[in-house]
Amino acid sequence: MSFLGADASAVTGTTARLALLAWFDFVGDPRWYWTGFGPLRTSDGQIWEGTAGLATISGLSVPIGTAAQQVSFGLSGVDPRVIALARQQSAQVKGRDCSVYLQLFNEDLSLRGPVRHVWSGLLDVMTYKMERGGTYSVDLTAENLWAGRRKPPHGYYTDADQQARYPGDLGCQYVASLPGKTINWPG
């Protein structure tokens, strides 16, 4: 990510006024969070929920080559809806999209331009724990889009993959029954 002109001086000065924003595409309940206090309406009209400084994002870095990068999100004092998602994580969370953005602010804390995309990935594991006072904290990990690069799309000799490649082709329909089977060739 690069900044030009006035934006470059805004982020390289003695005080940089910026916030990280995170979007999670949970099934049926997408969430928009930012690291500040109260709701934030960005220039695109999206309203982001403030986490009052109780959020952490770790693992964001400039990727080297095509290395798979893992980013961790932490949030304390979450509401019951998020805990319900953590309990149903396999169906509601795993494999869903997420993104991290950056919002710059002017000296008077008004918005300085649009949100800037920093990172995109796929949600992986969501865990939760109960803290003192009955509040919950949630930890969520996500991997960048390079994480699944070793998995060929429909690249296995299975009937399901063959049907995905060529619907109606029956060339692999017996593959699952072959392990351990003795085939006698005429001869």
C-alpha atoms as a PDB file:
ATOM      1  CA  MET A   1       0.000   0.000   0.000  1.00  0.00           C
ATOM      2  CA  SER A   2       1.383   3.385  -0.879  1.00  0.00           C
ATOM      3  CA  PHE A   3       0.334   6.888   0.036  1.00  0.00           C
ATOM      4  CA  LEU A   4       0.866   9.924  -2.150  1.00  0.00           C
ATOM      5  CA  GLY A   5       1.010  13.647  -1.465  1.00  0.00           C
ATOM      6  CA  ALA A   6      -0.868  14.884   1.580  1.00  0.00           C
ATOM      7  CA  ASP A   7      -1.819  11.346   2.614  1.00  0.00           C
ATOM      8  CA  ALA A   8       1.863  10.378   2.716  1.00  0.00           C
ATOM      9  CA  SER A   9       2.655  13.276   5.032  1.00  0.00           C
ATOM     10  CA  ALA A  10      -0.398  12.396   7.167  1.00  0.00           C
ATOM     11  CA  VAL A  11       0.866   8.874   7.879  1.00  0.00           C
ATOM     12  CA  THR A  12       4.563   9.695   8.181  1.00  0.00           C
ATOM     13  CA  GLY A  13       4.192  12.688  10.493  1.00  0.00           C
ATOM     14  CA  THR A  14       4.709  12.668  14.251  1.00  0.00           C
ATOM     15  CA  THR A  15       1.034  11.774  14.782  1.00  0.00           C
ATOM     16  CA  ALA A  16      -0.777   9.477  12.385  1.00  0.00           C
ATOM     17  CA  ARG A  17      -4.555   9.555  12.742  1.00  0.00           C
ATOM     18  CA  LEU A  18      -5.865   6.274  11.394  1.00  0.00           C
ATOM     19  CA  ALA A  19      -7.971   3.284  12.342  1.00  0.00           C
ATOM     20  CA  LEU A  20      -8.164  -0.318  11.238  1.00  0.00           C
ATOM     21  CA  LEU A  21     -11.534  -1.621  10.082  1.00  0.00           C
ATOM     22  CA  ALA A  22     -12.484  -5.285   9.712  1.00  0.00           C
ATOM     23  CA  TRP A  23     -15.348  -6.870   7.793  1.00  0.00           C
ATOM     24  CA  PHE A  24     -16.477 -10.452   8.449  1.00  0.00           C
ATOM     25  CA  ASP A  25     -18.974 -12.102   6.104  1.00  0.00           C
ATOM     26  CA  PHE A  26     -20.669 -14.354   8.674  1.00  0.00           C
ATOM     27  CA  VAL A  27     -23.576 -16.321   7.180  1.00  0.00           C
ATOM     28  CA  GLY A  28     -26.749 -14.279   7.615  1.00  0.00           C
ATOM     29  CA  ASP A  29     -25.041 -11.714   9.874  1.00  0.00           C
ATOM     30  CA  PRO A  30     -22.104  -9.875   8.243  1.00  0.00           C
ATOM     31  CA  ARG A  31     -20.284  -7.637  10.720  1.00  0.00           C
ATOM     32  CA  TRP A  32     -18.293  -4.414  10.300  1.00  0.00           C
ATOM     33  CA  TYR A  33     -15.964  -3.384  13.152  1.00  0.00           C
ATOM     34  CA  TRP A  34     -13.481  -0.593  13.658  1.00  0.00           C
ATOM     35  CA  THR A  35     -10.930  -0.006  16.410  1.00  0.00           C
ATOM     36  CA  GLY A  36     -12.411   3.259  17.681  1.00  0.00           C
ATOM     37  CA  PHE A  37     -15.335   4.322  19.865  1.00  0.00           C
ATOM     38  CA  GLY A  38     -18.965   4.408  18.744  1.00  0.00           C
ATOM     39  CA  PRO A  39     -20.299   3.965  15.226  1.00  0.00           C
ATOM     40  CA  LEU A  40     -18.275   5.212  12.251  1.00  0.00           C
ATOM     41  CA  ARG A  41     -19.938   6.080   8.942  1.00  0.00           C
ATOM     42  CA  THR A  42     -17.372   5.926   6.157  1.00  0.00           C
ATOM     43  CA  SER A  43     -17.572   7.831   2.884  1.00  0.00           C
ATOM     44  CA  ASP A  44     -19.242   4.856   1.160  1.00  0.00           C
ATOM     45  CA  GLY A  45     -22.121   5.020   3.679  1.00  0.00           C
ATOM     46  CA  GLN A  46     -21.170   1.853   5.573  1.00  0.00           C
ATOM     47  CA  ILE A  47     -21.596   1.991   9.360  1.00  0.00           C
ATOM     48  CA  TRP A  48     -18.866   0.232  11.355  1.00  0.00           C
ATOM     49  CA  GLU A  49     -19.371  -0.807  15.005  1.00  0.00           C
ATOM     50  CA  GLY A  50     -16.794   0.634  17.380  1.00  0.00           C
ATOM     51  CA  THR A  51     -14.904  -1.801  19.578  1.00  0.00           C
ATOM     52  CA  ALA A  52     -13.788   0.871  22.081  1.00  0.00           C
ATOM     53  CA  GLY A  53     -10.183  -0.217  21.739  1.00  0.00           C
ATOM     54  CA  LEU A  54     -10.988  -3.782  22.789  1.00  0.00           C
ATOM     55  CA  ALA A  55     -10.040  -5.294  19.431  1.00  0.00           C
ATOM     56  CA  THR A  56      -6.696  -6.625  18.235  1.00  0.00           C
ATOM     57  CA  ILE A  57      -5.473  -7.534  14.778  1.00  0.00           C
ATOM     58  CA  SER A  58      -2.145  -9.332  14.558  1.00  0.00           C
ATOM     59  CA  GLY A  59      -0.188 -10.932  11.758  1.00  0.00           C
ATOM     60  CA  LEU A  60      -0.723  -8.220   9.146  1.00  0.00           C
ATOM     61  CA  SER A  61       2.486  -7.828   7.204  1.00  0.00           C
ATOM     62  CA  VAL A  62       3.707  -7.428   3.686  1.00  0.00           C
ATOM     63  CA  PRO A  63       3.687 -10.954   2.257  1.00  0.00           C
ATOM     64  CA  ILE A  64       6.902 -12.198   0.717  1.00  0.00           C
ATOM     65  CA  GLY A  65       6.343 -14.170  -2.460  1.00  0.00           C
ATOM     66  CA  THR A  66       3.334 -16.432  -2.362  1.00  0.00           C
ATOM     67  CA  ALA A  67       3.557 -17.403   1.302  1.00  0.00           C
ATOM     68  CA  ALA A  68       0.260 -18.166   3.000  1.00  0.00           C
ATOM     69  CA  GLN A  69      -0.325 -15.561   5.683  1.00  0.00           C
ATOM     70  CA  GLN A  70      -2.411 -16.042   8.815  1.00  0.00           C
ATOM     71  CA  VAL A  71      -4.036 -13.088  10.569  1.00  0.00           C
ATOM     72  CA  SER A  72      -5.582 -13.225  14.037  1.00  0.00           C
ATOM     73  CA  PHE A  73      -8.451 -11.078  15.258  1.00  0.00           C
ATOM     74  CA  GLY A  74      -9.353 -10.685  18.922  1.00  0.00           C
ATOM     75  CA  LEU A  75     -12.407  -8.986  20.377  1.00  0.00           C
ATOM     76  CA  SER A  76     -13.368  -8.598  24.030  1.00  0.00           C
ATOM     77  CA  GLY A  77     -16.809  -7.881  25.456  1.00  0.00           C
ATOM     78  CA  VAL A  78     -18.720  -9.295  22.497  1.00  0.00           C
ATOM     79  CA  ASP A  79     -22.484  -9.611  22.277  1.00  0.00           C
ATOM     80  CA  PRO A  80     -24.402 -12.927  22.366  1.00  0.00           C
ATOM     81  CA  ARG A  81     -24.835 -12.986  18.558  1.00  0.00           C
ATOM     82  CA  VAL A  82     -21.085 -13.328  18.061  1.00  0.00           C
ATOM     83  CA  ILE A  83     -20.849 -16.062  20.715  1.00  0.00           C
ATOM     84  CA  ALA A  84     -23.619 -17.965  18.899  1.00  0.00           C
ATOM     85  CA  LEU A  85     -21.527 -17.730  15.713  1.00  0.00           C
ATOM     86  CA  ALA A  86     -18.485 -19.076  17.569  1.00  0.00           C
ATOM     87  CA  ARG A  87     -20.498 -22.059  18.769  1.00  0.00           C
ATOM     88  CA  GLN A  88     -21.667 -22.815  15.203  1.00  0.00           C
ATOM     89  CA  GLN A  89     -18.368 -21.936  13.583  1.00  0.00           C
ATOM     90  CA  SER A  90     -18.104 -24.746  11.085  1.00  0.00           C
ATOM     91  CA  ALA A  91     -21.335 -23.810   9.329  1.00  0.00           C
ATOM     92  CA  GLN A  92     -21.330 -20.050   9.852  1.00  0.00           C
ATOM     93  CA  VAL A  93     -17.672 -19.005   9.853  1.00  0.00           C
ATOM     94  CA  LYS A  94     -15.155 -21.350   8.201  1.00  0.00           C
ATOM     95  CA  GLY A  95     -14.311 -20.414   4.630  1.00  0.00           C
ATOM     96  CA  ARG A  96     -16.210 -17.103   4.728  1.00  0.00           C
ATOM     97  CA  ASP A  97     -14.661 -13.880   3.404  1.00  0.00           C
ATOM     98  CA  CYS A  98     -13.081 -11.212   5.560  1.00  0.00           C
ATOM     99  CA  SER A  99     -11.184  -8.012   4.827  1.00  0.00           C
ATOM    100  CA  VAL A 100      -9.140  -5.422   6.681  1.00  0.00           C
ATOM    101  CA  TYR A 101      -9.262  -1.759   5.729  1.00  0.00           C
ATOM    102  CA  LEU A 102      -7.530   1.439   6.807  1.00  0.00           C
ATOM    103  CA  GLN A 103      -9.276   4.753   7.392  1.00  0.00           C
ATOM    104  CA  LEU A 104      -7.265   7.974   7.624  1.00  0.00           C
ATOM    105  CA  PHE A 105      -8.515  10.960   9.621  1.00  0.00           C
ATOM    106  CA  ASN A 106      -7.812  14.699   9.478  1.00  0.00           C
ATOM    107  CA  GLU A 107      -6.563  16.607  12.524  1.00  0.00           C
ATOM    108  CA  ASP A 108     -10.172  17.320  13.567  1.00  0.00           C
ATOM    109  CA  LEU A 109     -10.861  13.526  13.288  1.00  0.00           C
ATOM    110  CA  SER A 110     -13.061  13.938  10.216  1.00  0.00           C
ATOM    111  CA  LEU A 111     -12.654  11.333   7.482  1.00  0.00           C
ATOM    112  CA  ARG A 112      -9.692  11.771   5.167  1.00  0.00           C
ATOM    113  CA  GLY A 113     -10.737  10.081   1.948  1.00  0.00           C
ATOM    114  CA  PRO A 114     -12.256   6.651   1.430  1.00  0.00           C
ATOM    115  CA  VAL A 115     -11.358   3.450   3.257  1.00  0.00           C
ATOM    116  CA  ARG A 116      -8.322   1.703   1.819  1.00  0.00           C
ATOM    117  CA  HIS A 117      -8.215  -2.030   1.364  1.00  0.00           C
ATOM    118  CA  VAL A 118      -5.298  -3.617   3.238  1.00  0.00           C
ATOM    119  CA  TRP A 119      -5.880  -7.367   3.287  1.00  0.00           C
ATOM    120  CA  SER A 120      -8.398 -10.068   2.287  1.00  0.00           C
ATOM    121  CA  GLY A 121      -8.695 -13.638   3.422  1.00  0.00           C
ATOM    122  CA  LEU A 122     -10.894 -16.543   4.391  1.00  0.00           C
ATOM    123  CA  LEU A 123     -12.053 -17.156   7.944  1.00  0.00           C
ATOM    124  CA  ASP A 124     -10.749 -20.333   9.521  1.00  0.00           C
ATOM    125  CA  VAL A 125     -11.226 -20.959  13.247  1.00  0.00           C
ATOM    126  CA  MET A 126     -13.279 -18.983  15.782  1.00  0.00           C
ATOM    127  CA  THR A 127     -12.861 -19.703  19.492  1.00  0.00           C
ATOM    128  CA  TYR A 128     -14.355 -18.022  22.522  1.00  0.00           C
ATOM    129  CA  LYS A 129     -13.825 -17.931  26.262  1.00  0.00           C
ATOM    130  CA  MET A 130     -15.633 -16.459  29.212  1.00  0.00           C
ATOM    131  CA  GLU A 131     -13.768 -13.764  31.101  1.00  0.00           C
ATOM    132  CA  ARG A 132     -14.277 -12.323  34.552  1.00  0.00           C
ATOM    133  CA  GLY A 133     -17.586 -10.584  35.033  1.00  0.00           C
ATOM    134  CA  GLY A 134     -19.429 -12.848  32.602  1.00  0.00           C
ATOM    135  CA  THR A 135     -18.167 -11.188  29.420  1.00  0.00           C
ATOM    136  CA  TYR A 136     -16.837 -13.161  26.498  1.00  0.00           C
ATOM    137  CA  SER A 137     -13.831 -12.725  24.267  1.00  0.00           C
ATOM    138  CA  VAL A 138     -13.505 -14.166  20.779  1.00  0.00           C
ATOM    139  CA  ASP A 139     -10.390 -15.077  18.815  1.00  0.00           C
ATOM    140  CA  LEU A 140     -10.700 -15.557  15.083  1.00  0.00           C
ATOM    141  CA  THR A 141      -8.048 -16.658  12.617  1.00  0.00           C
ATOM    142  CA  ALA A 142      -8.091 -16.139   8.883  1.00  0.00           C
ATOM    143  CA  GLU A 143      -5.780 -17.110   6.061  1.00  0.00           C
ATOM    144  CA  ASN A 144      -5.016 -15.142   2.955  1.00  0.00           C
ATOM    145  CA  LEU A 145      -6.083 -16.313  -0.449  1.00  0.00           C
ATOM    146  CA  TRP A 146      -2.815 -18.230  -0.985  1.00  0.00           C
ATOM    147  CA  ALA A 147      -3.663 -20.718   1.791  1.00  0.00           C
ATOM    148  CA  GLY A 148      -5.458 -23.173  -0.492  1.00  0.00           C
ATOM    149  CA  ARG A 149      -3.072 -22.949  -3.421  1.00  0.00           C
ATOM    150  CA  ARG A 150      -1.906 -26.550  -3.070  1.00  0.00           C
ATOM    151  CA  LYS A 151      -5.418 -27.903  -3.448  1.00  0.00           C
ATOM    152  CA  PRO A 152      -6.113 -28.389  -7.134  1.00  0.00           C
ATOM    153  CA  PRO A 153      -9.664 -27.519  -8.143  1.00  0.00           C
ATOM    154  CA  HIS A 154     -11.331 -30.832  -8.895  1.00  0.00           C
ATOM    155  CA  GLY A 155      -7.889 -32.411  -9.166  1.00  0.00           C
ATOM    156  CA  TYR A 156      -8.486 -35.819  -7.628  1.00  0.00           C
ATOM    157  CA  TYR A 157      -9.500 -39.084  -9.272  1.00  0.00           C
ATOM    158  CA  THR A 158     -12.843 -39.294  -7.510  1.00  0.00           C
ATOM    159  CA  ASP A 159     -16.308 -39.529  -8.968  1.00  0.00           C
ATOM    160  CA  ALA A 160     -17.288 -36.197  -7.404  1.00  0.00           C
ATOM    161  CA  ASP A 161     -14.317 -34.362  -8.933  1.00  0.00           C
ATOM    162  CA  GLN A 162     -14.853 -36.051 -12.289  1.00  0.00           C
ATOM    163  CA  GLN A 163     -18.522 -34.985 -12.246  1.00  0.00           C
ATOM    164  CA  ALA A 164     -17.438 -31.417 -11.472  1.00  0.00           C
ATOM    165  CA  ARG A 165     -15.028 -31.463 -14.419  1.00  0.00           C
ATOM    166  CA  TYR A 166     -17.288 -33.302 -16.875  1.00  0.00           C
ATOM    167  CA  PRO A 167     -20.922 -33.744 -15.763  1.00  0.00           C
ATOM    168  CA  GLY A 168     -22.310 -37.112 -16.823  1.00  0.00           C
ATOM    169  CA  ASP A 169     -18.894 -38.783 -17.303  1.00  0.00           C
ATOM    170  CA  LEU A 170     -18.850 -42.160 -15.543  1.00  0.00           C
ATOM    171  CA  GLY A 171     -15.104 -42.805 -15.907  1.00  0.00           C
ATOM    172  CA  CYS A 172     -14.423 -42.596 -12.165  1.00  0.00           C
ATOM    173  CA  GLN A 173     -17.634 -44.043 -10.770  1.00  0.00           C
ATOM    174  CA  TYR A 174     -15.920 -47.210  -9.459  1.00  0.00           C
ATOM    175  CA  VAL A 175     -12.781 -45.577  -8.025  1.00  0.00           C
ATOM    176  CA  ALA A 176     -14.081 -45.652  -4.436  1.00  0.00           C
ATOM    177  CA  SER A 177     -14.628 -49.424  -4.611  1.00  0.00           C
ATOM    178  CA  LEU A 178     -11.125 -50.238  -5.923  1.00  0.00           C
ATOM    179  CA  PRO A 179      -8.882 -50.087  -2.791  1.00  0.00           C
ATOM    180  CA  GLY A 180      -8.228 -53.617  -1.558  1.00  0.00           C
ATOM    181  CA  LYS A 181      -9.913 -55.192  -4.568  1.00  0.00           C
ATOM    182  CA  THR A 182      -8.188 -57.934  -6.533  1.00  0.00           C
ATOM    183  CA  ILE A 183      -8.704 -57.726 -10.258  1.00  0.00           C
ATOM    184  CA  ASN A 184      -7.982 -60.865 -12.295  1.00  0.00           C
ATOM    185  CA  TRP A 185      -6.932 -60.077 -15.831  1.00  0.00           C
ATOM    186  CA  PRO A 186      -7.625 -62.682 -18.480  1.00  0.00           C
ATOM    187  CA  GLY A 187      -4.515 -64.193 -19.804  1.00  0.00           C
END
